[in-house]
Amino acid sequence: GRSPDLTPLQLHPGDRVLLCSDGLSSYVPHEQIRAALASNE
């Protein structure tokens, strides 16, 4: 019963997807992650 979840995703121009280990999500505030992804960098 340890199989992964599989989630379908429709892609659109301008989308950004972040894959990360918990070394990011457990220590960096959600808003800081969001702001970095939303930037034009």
Full PDB file with SEQRES, HELIX, SHEET, SSBOND, CRYST1, ORIGX, SCALE, CONECT and MASTER records, all heavy atoms in Angstrom:
SEQRES   1 A   41  GLY ARG SER PRO ASP LEU THR PRO LEU GLN LEU HIS PRO          
SEQRES   2 A   41  GLY ASP ARG VAL LEU LEU CYS SER ASP GLY LEU SER SER          
SEQRES   3 A   41  TYR VAL PRO HIS GLU GLN ILE ARG ALA ALA LEU ALA SER          
SEQRES   4 A   41  ASN GLU                                                      
HELIX    1 AA1 ASP A   22  SER A   25  1                                   4    
HELIX    2 AA2 HIS A   30  ALA A   38  1                                   9    
CRYST1    1.000    1.000    1.000  90.00  90.00  90.00 P 1           1          
ORIGX1      1.000000  0.000000  0.000000        0.00000                         
ORIGX2      0.000000  1.000000  0.000000        0.00000                         
ORIGX3      0.000000  0.000000  1.000000        0.00000                         
SCALE1      1.000000  0.000000  0.000000        0.00000                         
SCALE2      0.000000  1.000000  0.000000        0.00000                         
SCALE3      0.000000  0.000000  1.000000        0.00000                         
ATOM      1  N   GLY A   1       0.778  -1.223   0.000  1.00  0.00           N  
ATOM      2  CA  GLY A   1       0.000   0.000   0.000  1.00  0.00           C  
ATOM      3  C   GLY A   1       0.808   1.271   0.000  1.00  0.00           C  
ATOM      4  O   GLY A   1       0.297   2.323   0.352  1.00  0.00           O  
ATOM      5  N   ARG A   2       2.089   1.195  -0.395  1.00  0.00           N  
ATOM      6  CA  ARG A   2       2.939   2.372  -0.384  1.00  0.00           C  
ATOM      7  C   ARG A   2       3.060   3.000  -1.773  1.00  0.00           C  
ATOM      8  O   ARG A   2       3.983   3.747  -2.046  1.00  0.00           O  
ATOM      9  CB  ARG A   2       4.326   2.003   0.152  1.00  0.00           C  
ATOM     10  CG  ARG A   2       4.277   1.537   1.602  1.00  0.00           C  
ATOM     11  CD  ARG A   2       5.580   0.865   2.014  1.00  0.00           C  
ATOM     12  NE  ARG A   2       5.445   0.284   3.344  1.00  0.00           N  
ATOM     13  CZ  ARG A   2       6.003   0.805   4.433  1.00  0.00           C  
ATOM     14  NH1 ARG A   2       6.699   1.900   4.362  1.00  0.00           N  
ATOM     15  NH2 ARG A   2       5.839   0.221   5.596  1.00  0.00           N  
ATOM     16  N   SER A   3       2.163   2.681  -2.674  1.00  0.00           N  
ATOM     17  CA  SER A   3       2.230   3.199  -4.035  1.00  0.00           C  
ATOM     18  C   SER A   3       1.953   4.699  -4.041  1.00  0.00           C  
ATOM     19  O   SER A   3       1.250   5.223  -3.176  1.00  0.00           O  
ATOM     20  CB  SER A   3       1.229   2.479  -4.933  1.00  0.00           C  
ATOM     21  OG  SER A   3      -0.071   2.640  -4.434  1.00  0.00           O  
ATOM     22  N   PRO A   4       2.477   5.418  -5.028  1.00  0.00           N  
ATOM     23  CA  PRO A   4       2.326   6.873  -5.067  1.00  0.00           C  
ATOM     24  C   PRO A   4       0.930   7.307  -5.499  1.00  0.00           C  
ATOM     25  O   PRO A   4       0.175   6.553  -6.111  1.00  0.00           O  
ATOM     26  CB  PRO A   4       3.358   7.304  -6.122  1.00  0.00           C  
ATOM     27  CG  PRO A   4       4.204   6.113  -6.378  1.00  0.00           C  
ATOM     28  CD  PRO A   4       3.387   4.917  -6.045  1.00  0.00           C  
ATOM     29  N   ASP A   5       0.614   8.550  -5.181  1.00  0.00           N  
ATOM     30  CA  ASP A   5      -0.535   9.212  -5.778  1.00  0.00           C  
ATOM     31  C   ASP A   5      -0.153   9.651  -7.186  1.00  0.00           C  
ATOM     32  O   ASP A   5       0.986  10.080  -7.423  1.00  0.00           O  
ATOM     33  CB  ASP A   5      -0.923  10.455  -4.974  1.00  0.00           C  
ATOM     34  CG  ASP A   5      -1.445  10.128  -3.586  1.00  0.00           C  
ATOM     35  OD1 ASP A   5      -1.890   8.976  -3.380  1.00  0.00           O  
ATOM     36  OD2 ASP A   5      -1.409  11.021  -2.724  1.00  0.00           O  
ATOM     37  N   LEU A   6      -1.104   9.578  -8.118  1.00  0.00           N  
ATOM     38  CA  LEU A   6      -0.897  10.058  -9.479  1.00  0.00           C  
ATOM     39  C   LEU A   6      -1.945  11.131  -9.753  1.00  0.00           C  
ATOM     40  O   LEU A   6      -3.148  10.861  -9.700  1.00  0.00           O  
ATOM     41  CB  LEU A   6      -1.021   8.923 -10.493  1.00  0.00           C  
ATOM     42  CG  LEU A   6       0.009   7.797 -10.377  1.00  0.00           C  
ATOM     43  CD1 LEU A   6      -0.316   6.678 -11.369  1.00  0.00           C  
ATOM     44  CD2 LEU A   6       1.420   8.319 -10.607  1.00  0.00           C  
ATOM     45  N   THR A   7      -1.488  12.350 -10.043  1.00  0.00           N  
ATOM     46  CA  THR A   7      -2.380  13.491 -10.218  1.00  0.00           C  
ATOM     47  C   THR A   7      -2.235  14.056 -11.623  1.00  0.00           C  
ATOM     48  O   THR A   7      -1.134  14.489 -11.999  1.00  0.00           O  
ATOM     49  CB  THR A   7      -2.049  14.596  -9.203  1.00  0.00           C  
ATOM     50  OG1 THR A   7      -2.118  14.064  -7.881  1.00  0.00           O  
ATOM     51  CG2 THR A   7      -3.010  15.762  -9.333  1.00  0.00           C  
ATOM     52  N   PRO A   8      -3.318  14.077 -12.427  1.00  0.00           N  
ATOM     53  CA  PRO A   8      -3.229  14.671 -13.767  1.00  0.00           C  
ATOM     54  C   PRO A   8      -3.150  16.191 -13.673  1.00  0.00           C  
ATOM     55  O   PRO A   8      -3.688  16.803 -12.753  1.00  0.00           O  
ATOM     56  CB  PRO A   8      -4.524  14.214 -14.437  1.00  0.00           C  
ATOM     57  CG  PRO A   8      -5.475  13.994 -13.314  1.00  0.00           C  
ATOM     58  CD  PRO A   8      -4.657  13.535 -12.149  1.00  0.00           C  
ATOM     59  N   LEU A   9      -2.473  16.789 -14.650  1.00  0.00           N  
ATOM     60  CA  LEU A   9      -2.275  18.240 -14.642  1.00  0.00           C  
ATOM     61  C   LEU A   9      -2.339  18.765 -16.069  1.00  0.00           C  
ATOM     62  O   LEU A   9      -1.596  18.291 -16.936  1.00  0.00           O  
ATOM     63  CB  LEU A   9      -0.915  18.572 -14.018  1.00  0.00           C  
ATOM     64  CG  LEU A   9      -0.532  20.048 -13.905  1.00  0.00           C  
ATOM     65  CD1 LEU A   9      -1.480  20.767 -12.965  1.00  0.00           C  
ATOM     66  CD2 LEU A   9       0.911  20.177 -13.423  1.00  0.00           C  
ATOM     67  N   GLN A  10      -3.229  19.709 -16.310  1.00  0.00           N  
ATOM     68  CA  GLN A  10      -3.279  20.397 -17.602  1.00  0.00           C  
ATOM     69  C   GLN A  10      -2.242  21.505 -17.594  1.00  0.00           C  
ATOM     70  O   GLN A  10      -2.163  22.287 -16.639  1.00  0.00           O  
ATOM     71  CB  GLN A  10      -4.668  20.987 -17.837  1.00  0.00           C  
ATOM     72  CG  GLN A  10      -4.894  21.524 -19.236  1.00  0.00           C  
ATOM     73  CD  GLN A  10      -5.188  20.415 -20.244  1.00  0.00           C  
ATOM     74  OE1 GLN A  10      -5.757  19.396 -19.883  1.00  0.00           O  
ATOM     75  NE2 GLN A  10      -4.786  20.625 -21.492  1.00  0.00           N  
ATOM     76  N   LEU A  11      -1.443  21.585 -18.644  1.00  0.00           N  
ATOM     77  CA  LEU A  11      -0.374  22.572 -18.720  1.00  0.00           C  
ATOM     78  C   LEU A  11      -0.793  23.773 -19.567  1.00  0.00           C  
ATOM     79  O   LEU A  11      -1.450  23.619 -20.595  1.00  0.00           O  
ATOM     80  CB  LEU A  11       0.885  21.941 -19.324  1.00  0.00           C  
ATOM     81  CG  LEU A  11       1.484  20.748 -18.582  1.00  0.00           C  
ATOM     82  CD1 LEU A  11       2.658  20.174 -19.363  1.00  0.00           C  
ATOM     83  CD2 LEU A  11       1.911  21.137 -17.166  1.00  0.00           C  
ATOM     84  N   HIS A  12      -0.362  24.974 -19.124  1.00  0.00           N  
ATOM     85  CA  HIS A  12      -0.639  26.212 -19.849  1.00  0.00           C  
ATOM     86  C   HIS A  12       0.639  27.036 -19.911  1.00  0.00           C  
ATOM     87  O   HIS A  12       1.442  27.011 -18.968  1.00  0.00           O  
ATOM     88  CB  HIS A  12      -1.732  27.025 -19.146  1.00  0.00           C  
ATOM     89  CG  HIS A  12      -3.014  26.300 -18.959  1.00  0.00           C  
ATOM     90  ND1 HIS A  12      -3.972  26.203 -19.942  1.00  0.00           N  
ATOM     91  CD2 HIS A  12      -3.505  25.613 -17.890  1.00  0.00           C  
ATOM     92  CE1 HIS A  12      -4.993  25.497 -19.495  1.00  0.00           C  
ATOM     93  NE2 HIS A  12      -4.739  25.126 -18.248  1.00  0.00           N  
ATOM     94  N   PRO A  13       0.837  27.801 -20.978  1.00  0.00           N  
ATOM     95  CA  PRO A  13       1.996  28.702 -21.022  1.00  0.00           C  
ATOM     96  C   PRO A  13       2.003  29.623 -19.806  1.00  0.00           C  
ATOM     97  O   PRO A  13       0.968  30.163 -19.420  1.00  0.00           O  
ATOM     98  CB  PRO A  13       1.790  29.485 -22.324  1.00  0.00           C  
ATOM     99  CG  PRO A  13       0.928  28.603 -23.166  1.00  0.00           C  
ATOM    100  CD  PRO A  13       0.018  27.889 -22.207  1.00  0.00           C  
ATOM    101  N   GLY A  14       3.155  29.780 -19.211  1.00  0.00           N  
ATOM    102  CA  GLY A  14       3.265  30.602 -18.004  1.00  0.00           C  
ATOM    103  C   GLY A  14       3.224  29.814 -16.723  1.00  0.00           C  
ATOM    104  O   GLY A  14       3.584  30.339 -15.664  1.00  0.00           O  
ATOM    105  N   ASP A  15       2.777  28.558 -16.770  1.00  0.00           N  
ATOM    106  CA  ASP A  15       2.789  27.724 -15.568  1.00  0.00           C  
ATOM    107  C   ASP A  15       4.221  27.495 -15.089  1.00  0.00           C  
ATOM    108  O   ASP A  15       5.148  27.345 -15.897  1.00  0.00           O  
ATOM    109  CB  ASP A  15       2.163  26.350 -15.843  1.00  0.00           C  
ATOM    110  CG  ASP A  15       0.659  26.389 -15.968  1.00  0.00           C  
ATOM    111  OD1 ASP A  15       0.069  27.463 -15.787  1.00  0.00           O  
ATOM    112  OD2 ASP A  15       0.080  25.328 -16.268  1.00  0.00           O  
ATOM    113  N   ARG A  16       4.365  27.454 -13.790  1.00  0.00           N  
ATOM    114  CA  ARG A  16       5.617  26.964 -13.195  1.00  0.00           C  
ATOM    115  C   ARG A  16       5.276  25.869 -12.195  1.00  0.00           C  
ATOM    116  O   ARG A  16       4.380  26.027 -11.361  1.00  0.00           O  
ATOM    117  CB  ARG A  16       6.379  28.085 -12.493  1.00  0.00           C  
ATOM    118  CG  ARG A  16       7.265  28.877 -13.436  1.00  0.00           C  
ATOM    119  CD  ARG A  16       8.123  29.883 -12.725  1.00  0.00           C  
ATOM    120  NE  ARG A  16       9.050  30.505 -13.651  1.00  0.00           N  
ATOM    121  CZ  ARG A  16       9.776  31.583 -13.379  1.00  0.00           C  
ATOM    122  NH1 ARG A  16       9.677  32.155 -12.176  1.00  0.00           N  
ATOM    123  NH2 ARG A  16      10.593  32.095 -14.285  1.00  0.00           N  
ATOM    124  N   VAL A  17       6.017  24.778 -12.284  1.00  0.00           N  
ATOM    125  CA  VAL A  17       5.877  23.678 -11.334  1.00  0.00           C  
ATOM    126  C   VAL A  17       7.201  23.543 -10.583  1.00  0.00           C  
ATOM    127  O   VAL A  17       8.277  23.584 -11.186  1.00  0.00           O  
ATOM    128  CB  VAL A  17       5.543  22.355 -12.053  1.00  0.00           C  
ATOM    129  CG1 VAL A  17       5.472  21.205 -11.047  1.00  0.00           C  
ATOM    130  CG2 VAL A  17       4.226  22.476 -12.814  1.00  0.00           C  
ATOM    131  N   LEU A  18       7.105  23.415  -9.285  1.00  0.00           N  
ATOM    132  CA  LEU A  18       8.273  23.189  -8.439  1.00  0.00           C  
ATOM    133  C   LEU A  18       8.191  21.802  -7.832  1.00  0.00           C  
ATOM    134  O   LEU A  18       7.191  21.461  -7.199  1.00  0.00           O  
ATOM    135  CB  LEU A  18       8.321  24.238  -7.314  1.00  0.00           C  
ATOM    136  CG  LEU A  18       9.342  23.982  -6.195  1.00  0.00           C  
ATOM    137  CD1 LEU A  18      10.772  24.044  -6.725  1.00  0.00           C  
ATOM    138  CD2 LEU A  18       9.140  24.976  -5.049  1.00  0.00           C  
ATOM    139  N   LEU A  19       9.217  21.000  -8.033  1.00  0.00           N  
ATOM    140  CA  LEU A  19       9.397  19.735  -7.326  1.00  0.00           C  
ATOM    141  C   LEU A  19      10.496  19.954  -6.299  1.00  0.00           C  
ATOM    142  O   LEU A  19      11.562  20.493  -6.632  1.00  0.00           O  
ATOM    143  CB  LEU A  19       9.800  18.615  -8.285  1.00  0.00           C  
ATOM    144  CG  LEU A  19       8.941  18.399  -9.534  1.00  0.00           C  
ATOM    145  CD1 LEU A  19       9.498  17.235 -10.357  1.00  0.00           C  
ATOM    146  CD2 LEU A  19       7.487  18.147  -9.174  1.00  0.00           C  
ATOM    147  N   CYS A  20      10.266  19.551  -5.053  1.00  0.00           N  
ATOM    148  CA  CYS A  20      11.286  19.824  -4.032  1.00  0.00           C  
ATOM    149  C   CYS A  20      11.256  18.783  -2.920  1.00  0.00           C  
ATOM    150  O   CYS A  20      10.218  18.187  -2.628  1.00  0.00           O  
ATOM    151  CB  CYS A  20      11.100  21.217  -3.434  1.00  0.00           C  
ATOM    152  SG  CYS A  20       9.580  21.473  -2.496  1.00  0.00           S  
ATOM    153  N   SER A  21      12.398  18.598  -2.307  1.00  0.00           N  
ATOM    154  CA  SER A  21      12.466  17.791  -1.090  1.00  0.00           C  
ATOM    155  C   SER A  21      12.041  18.651   0.099  1.00  0.00           C  
ATOM    156  O   SER A  21      11.931  19.884  -0.002  1.00  0.00           O  
ATOM    157  CB  SER A  21      13.889  17.257  -0.889  1.00  0.00           C  
ATOM    158  OG  SER A  21      14.811  18.326  -0.736  1.00  0.00           O  
ATOM    159  N   ASP A  22      11.805  18.015   1.243  1.00  0.00           N  
ATOM    160  CA  ASP A  22      11.302  18.779   2.387  1.00  0.00           C  
ATOM    161  C   ASP A  22      12.382  19.646   3.019  1.00  0.00           C  
ATOM    162  O   ASP A  22      12.096  20.414   3.929  1.00  0.00           O  
ATOM    163  CB  ASP A  22      10.647  17.862   3.424  1.00  0.00           C  
ATOM    164  CG  ASP A  22      11.653  17.001   4.172  1.00  0.00           C  
ATOM    165  OD1 ASP A  22      12.708  16.653   3.602  1.00  0.00           O  
ATOM    166  OD2 ASP A  22      11.367  16.645   5.328  1.00  0.00           O  
ATOM    167  N   GLY A  23      13.603  19.545   2.533  1.00  0.00           N  
ATOM    168  CA  GLY A  23      14.638  20.471   2.972  1.00  0.00           C  
ATOM    169  C   GLY A  23      14.328  21.902   2.578  1.00  0.00           C  
ATOM    170  O   GLY A  23      14.846  22.848   3.181  1.00  0.00           O  
ATOM    171  N   LEU A  24      13.464  22.083   1.583  1.00  0.00           N  
ATOM    172  CA  LEU A  24      12.962  23.416   1.243  1.00  0.00           C  
ATOM    173  C   LEU A  24      11.653  23.704   1.970  1.00  0.00           C  
ATOM    174  O   LEU A  24      11.546  24.678   2.725  1.00  0.00           O  
ATOM    175  CB  LEU A  24      12.744  23.541  -0.266  1.00  0.00           C  
ATOM    176  CG  LEU A  24      12.189  24.902  -0.706  1.00  0.00           C  
ATOM    177  CD1 LEU A  24      13.262  25.970  -0.633  1.00  0.00           C  
ATOM    178  CD2 LEU A  24      11.583  24.822  -2.106  1.00  0.00           C  
ATOM    179  N   SER A  25      10.646  22.861   1.764  1.00  0.00           N  
ATOM    180  CA  SER A  25       9.295  23.171   2.240  1.00  0.00           C  
ATOM    181  C   SER A  25       9.180  23.183   3.759  1.00  0.00           C  
ATOM    182  O   SER A  25       8.299  23.863   4.303  1.00  0.00           O  
ATOM    183  CB  SER A  25       8.294  22.170   1.651  1.00  0.00           C  
ATOM    184  OG  SER A  25       8.651  20.837   1.974  1.00  0.00           O  
ATOM    185  N   SER A  26      10.035  22.471   4.461  1.00  0.00           N  
ATOM    186  CA  SER A  26       9.949  22.439   5.926  1.00  0.00           C  
ATOM    187  C   SER A  26      10.633  23.624   6.595  1.00  0.00           C  
ATOM    188  O   SER A  26      10.413  23.859   7.788  1.00  0.00           O  
ATOM    189  CB  SER A  26      10.570  21.141   6.461  1.00  0.00           C  
ATOM    190  OG  SER A  26       9.795  20.021   6.104  1.00  0.00           O  
ATOM    191  N   TYR A  27      11.437  24.377   5.840  1.00  0.00           N  
ATOM    192  CA  TYR A  27      12.232  25.433   6.461  1.00  0.00           C  
ATOM    193  C   TYR A  27      12.011  26.815   5.860  1.00  0.00           C  
ATOM    194  O   TYR A  27      12.215  27.813   6.545  1.00  0.00           O  
ATOM    195  CB  TYR A  27      13.723  25.073   6.388  1.00  0.00           C  
ATOM    196  CG  TYR A  27      14.038  23.797   7.115  1.00  0.00           C  
ATOM    197  CD1 TYR A  27      14.134  22.577   6.447  1.00  0.00           C  
ATOM    198  CD2 TYR A  27      14.199  23.798   8.504  1.00  0.00           C  
ATOM    199  CE1 TYR A  27      14.400  21.399   7.126  1.00  0.00           C  
ATOM    200  CE2 TYR A  27      14.465  22.616   9.196  1.00  0.00           C  
ATOM    201  CZ  TYR A  27      14.558  21.426   8.496  1.00  0.00           C  
ATOM    202  OH  TYR A  27      14.805  20.265   9.179  1.00  0.00           O  
ATOM    203  N   VAL A  28      11.606  26.885   4.616  1.00  0.00           N  
ATOM    204  CA  VAL A  28      11.397  28.182   3.966  1.00  0.00           C  
ATOM    205  C   VAL A  28       9.904  28.491   3.961  1.00  0.00           C  
ATOM    206  O   VAL A  28       9.102  27.655   3.515  1.00  0.00           O  
ATOM    207  CB  VAL A  28      11.951  28.176   2.532  1.00  0.00           C  
ATOM    208  CG1 VAL A  28      11.689  29.515   1.845  1.00  0.00           C  
ATOM    209  CG2 VAL A  28      13.450  27.878   2.551  1.00  0.00           C  
ATOM    210  N   PRO A  29       9.495  29.656   4.446  1.00  0.00           N  
ATOM    211  CA  PRO A  29       8.058  29.992   4.498  1.00  0.00           C  
ATOM    212  C   PRO A  29       7.401  29.914   3.123  1.00  0.00           C  
ATOM    213  O   PRO A  29       8.013  30.241   2.100  1.00  0.00           O  
ATOM    214  CB  PRO A  29       8.055  31.436   5.038  1.00  0.00           C  
ATOM    215  CG  PRO A  29       9.320  31.551   5.825  1.00  0.00           C  
ATOM    216  CD  PRO A  29      10.323  30.702   5.088  1.00  0.00           C  
ATOM    217  N   HIS A  30       6.149  29.489   3.130  1.00  0.00           N  
ATOM    218  CA  HIS A  30       5.358  29.331   1.912  1.00  0.00           C  
ATOM    219  C   HIS A  30       5.400  30.591   1.055  1.00  0.00           C  
ATOM    220  O   HIS A  30       5.567  30.530  -0.163  1.00  0.00           O  
ATOM    221  CB  HIS A  30       3.918  28.990   2.311  1.00  0.00           C  
ATOM    222  CG  HIS A  30       2.983  28.766   1.168  1.00  0.00           C  
ATOM    223  ND1 HIS A  30       2.657  27.512   0.695  1.00  0.00           N  
ATOM    224  CD2 HIS A  30       2.284  29.642   0.399  1.00  0.00           C  
ATOM    225  CE1 HIS A  30       1.812  27.625  -0.310  1.00  0.00           C  
ATOM    226  NE2 HIS A  30       1.562  28.907  -0.518  1.00  0.00           N  
ATOM    227  N   GLU A  31       5.237  31.755   1.683  1.00  0.00           N  
ATOM    228  CA  GLU A  31       5.170  33.010   0.931  1.00  0.00           C  
ATOM    229  C   GLU A  31       6.487  33.303   0.216  1.00  0.00           C  
ATOM    230  O   GLU A  31       6.492  33.852  -0.891  1.00  0.00           O  
ATOM    231  CB  GLU A  31       4.806  34.167   1.863  1.00  0.00           C  
ATOM    232  CG  GLU A  31       4.844  35.540   1.214  1.00  0.00           C  
ATOM    233  CD  GLU A  31       3.989  35.654  -0.041  1.00  0.00           C  
ATOM    234  OE1 GLU A  31       2.973  34.934  -0.139  1.00  0.00           O  
ATOM    235  OE2 GLU A  31       4.347  36.463  -0.917  1.00  0.00           O  
ATOM    236  N   GLN A  32       7.610  32.952   0.818  1.00  0.00           N  
ATOM    237  CA  GLN A  32       8.901  33.182   0.160  1.00  0.00           C  
ATOM    238  C   GLN A  32       9.062  32.269  -1.052  1.00  0.00           C  
ATOM    239  O   GLN A  32       9.608  32.683  -2.084  1.00  0.00           O  
ATOM    240  CB  GLN A  32      10.042  32.981   1.153  1.00  0.00           C  
ATOM    241  CG  GLN A  32      10.106  34.039   2.235  1.00  0.00           C  
ATOM    242  CD  GLN A  32      11.315  33.854   3.142  1.00  0.00           C  
ATOM    243  OE1 GLN A  32      12.321  33.254   2.771  1.00  0.00           O  
ATOM    244  NE2 GLN A  32      11.221  34.380   4.355  1.00  0.00           N  
ATOM    245  N   ILE A  33       8.612  31.030  -0.931  1.00  0.00           N  
ATOM    246  CA  ILE A  33       8.659  30.117  -2.075  1.00  0.00           C  
ATOM    247  C   ILE A  33       7.765  30.651  -3.191  1.00  0.00           C  
ATOM    248  O   ILE A  33       8.159  30.692  -4.364  1.00  0.00           O  
ATOM    249  CB  ILE A  33       8.226  28.704  -1.652  1.00  0.00           C  
ATOM    250  CG1 ILE A  33       9.181  28.137  -0.598  1.00  0.00           C  
ATOM    251  CG2 ILE A  33       8.168  27.775  -2.873  1.00  0.00           C  
ATOM    252  CD1 ILE A  33       8.743  26.806  -0.022  1.00  0.00           C  
ATOM    253  N   ARG A  34       6.563  31.085  -2.834  1.00  0.00           N  
ATOM    254  CA  ARG A  34       5.623  31.606  -3.824  1.00  0.00           C  
ATOM    255  C   ARG A  34       6.198  32.817  -4.553  1.00  0.00           C  
ATOM    256  O   ARG A  34       6.100  32.935  -5.782  1.00  0.00           O  
ATOM    257  CB  ARG A  34       4.303  31.988  -3.146  1.00  0.00           C  
ATOM    258  CG  ARG A  34       3.196  32.395  -4.135  1.00  0.00           C  
ATOM    259  CD  ARG A  34       2.212  33.363  -3.509  1.00  0.00           C  
ATOM    260  NE  ARG A  34       2.845  34.633  -3.191  1.00  0.00           N  
ATOM    261  CZ  ARG A  34       3.086  35.583  -4.097  1.00  0.00           C  
ATOM    262  NH1 ARG A  34       2.759  35.411  -5.362  1.00  0.00           N  
ATOM    263  NH2 ARG A  34       3.669  36.704  -3.726  1.00  0.00           N  
ATOM    264  N   ALA A  35       6.782  33.738  -3.797  1.00  0.00           N  
ATOM    265  CA  ALA A  35       7.315  34.951  -4.400  1.00  0.00           C  
ATOM    266  C   ALA A  35       8.439  34.639  -5.387  1.00  0.00           C  
ATOM    267  O   ALA A  35       8.534  35.260  -6.453  1.00  0.00           O  
ATOM    268  CB  ALA A  35       7.803  35.906  -3.314  1.00  0.00           C  
ATOM    269  N   ALA A  36       9.282  33.677  -5.044  1.00  0.00           N  
ATOM    270  CA  ALA A  36      10.364  33.306  -5.960  1.00  0.00           C  
ATOM    271  C   ALA A  36       9.813  32.707  -7.243  1.00  0.00           C  
ATOM    272  O   ALA A  36      10.254  33.049  -8.351  1.00  0.00           O  
ATOM    273  CB  ALA A  36      11.319  32.327  -5.271  1.00  0.00           C  
ATOM    274  N   LEU A  37       8.821  31.829  -7.113  1.00  0.00           N  
ATOM    275  CA  LEU A  37       8.229  31.206  -8.302  1.00  0.00           C  
ATOM    276  C   LEU A  37       7.476  32.220  -9.157  1.00  0.00           C  
ATOM    277  O   LEU A  37       7.440  32.104 -10.386  1.00  0.00           O  
ATOM    278  CB  LEU A  37       7.272  30.083  -7.900  1.00  0.00           C  
ATOM    279  CG  LEU A  37       7.876  28.761  -7.453  1.00  0.00           C  
ATOM    280  CD1 LEU A  37       6.765  27.794  -7.101  1.00  0.00           C  
ATOM    281  CD2 LEU A  37       8.772  28.169  -8.523  1.00  0.00           C  
ATOM    282  N   ALA A  38       6.876  33.217  -8.527  1.00  0.00           N  
ATOM    283  CA  ALA A  38       6.067  34.201  -9.257  1.00  0.00           C  
ATOM    284  C   ALA A  38       6.913  35.254  -9.953  1.00  0.00           C  
ATOM    285  O   ALA A  38       6.402  36.007 -10.777  1.00  0.00           O  
ATOM    286  CB  ALA A  38       5.094  34.875  -8.297  1.00  0.00           C  
ATOM    287  N   SER A  39       8.185  35.308  -9.641  1.00  0.00           N  
ATOM    288  CA  SER A  39       9.045  36.351 -10.205  1.00  0.00           C  
ATOM    289  C   SER A  39       9.275  36.113 -11.694  1.00  0.00           C  
ATOM    290  O   SER A  39       8.950  35.065 -12.242  1.00  0.00           O  
ATOM    291  CB  SER A  39      10.386  36.368  -9.477  1.00  0.00           C  
ATOM    292  OG  SER A  39      11.179  35.249  -9.869  1.00  0.00           O  
ATOM    293  N   ASN A  40       9.864  37.117 -12.338  1.00  0.00           N  
ATOM    294  CA  ASN A  40      10.197  37.011 -13.756  1.00  0.00           C  
ATOM    295  C   ASN A  40      11.606  36.492 -13.993  1.00  0.00           C  
ATOM    296  O   ASN A  40      12.098  36.514 -15.124  1.00  0.00           O  
ATOM    297  CB  ASN A  40      10.030  38.376 -14.431  1.00  0.00           C  
ATOM    298  CG  ASN A  40       8.579  38.807 -14.511  1.00  0.00           C  
ATOM    299  OD1 ASN A  40       7.694  37.985 -14.741  1.00  0.00           O  
ATOM    300  ND2 ASN A  40       8.329  40.086 -14.287  1.00  0.00           N  
ATOM    301  N   GLU A  41      12.248  36.028 -12.931  1.00  0.00           N  
ATOM    302  CA  GLU A  41      13.585  35.454 -13.075  1.00  0.00           C  
ATOM    303  C   GLU A  41      13.507  34.123 -13.826  1.00  0.00           C  
ATOM    304  O   GLU A  41      12.467  33.457 -13.853  1.00  0.00           O  
ATOM    305  CB  GLU A  41      14.226  35.242 -11.705  1.00  0.00           C  
ATOM    306  CG  GLU A  41      14.411  36.507 -10.883  1.00  0.00           C  
ATOM    307  CD  GLU A  41      15.530  37.396 -11.419  1.00  0.00           C  
ATOM    308  OE1 GLU A  41      16.150  37.041 -12.438  1.00  0.00           O  
ATOM    309  OE2 GLU A  41      15.767  38.456 -10.804  1.00  0.00           O  
TER     310      GLU A  41                                                      
MASTER        0    0    0    2    0    0    0    6  309    1    0    4          
END                                                                             
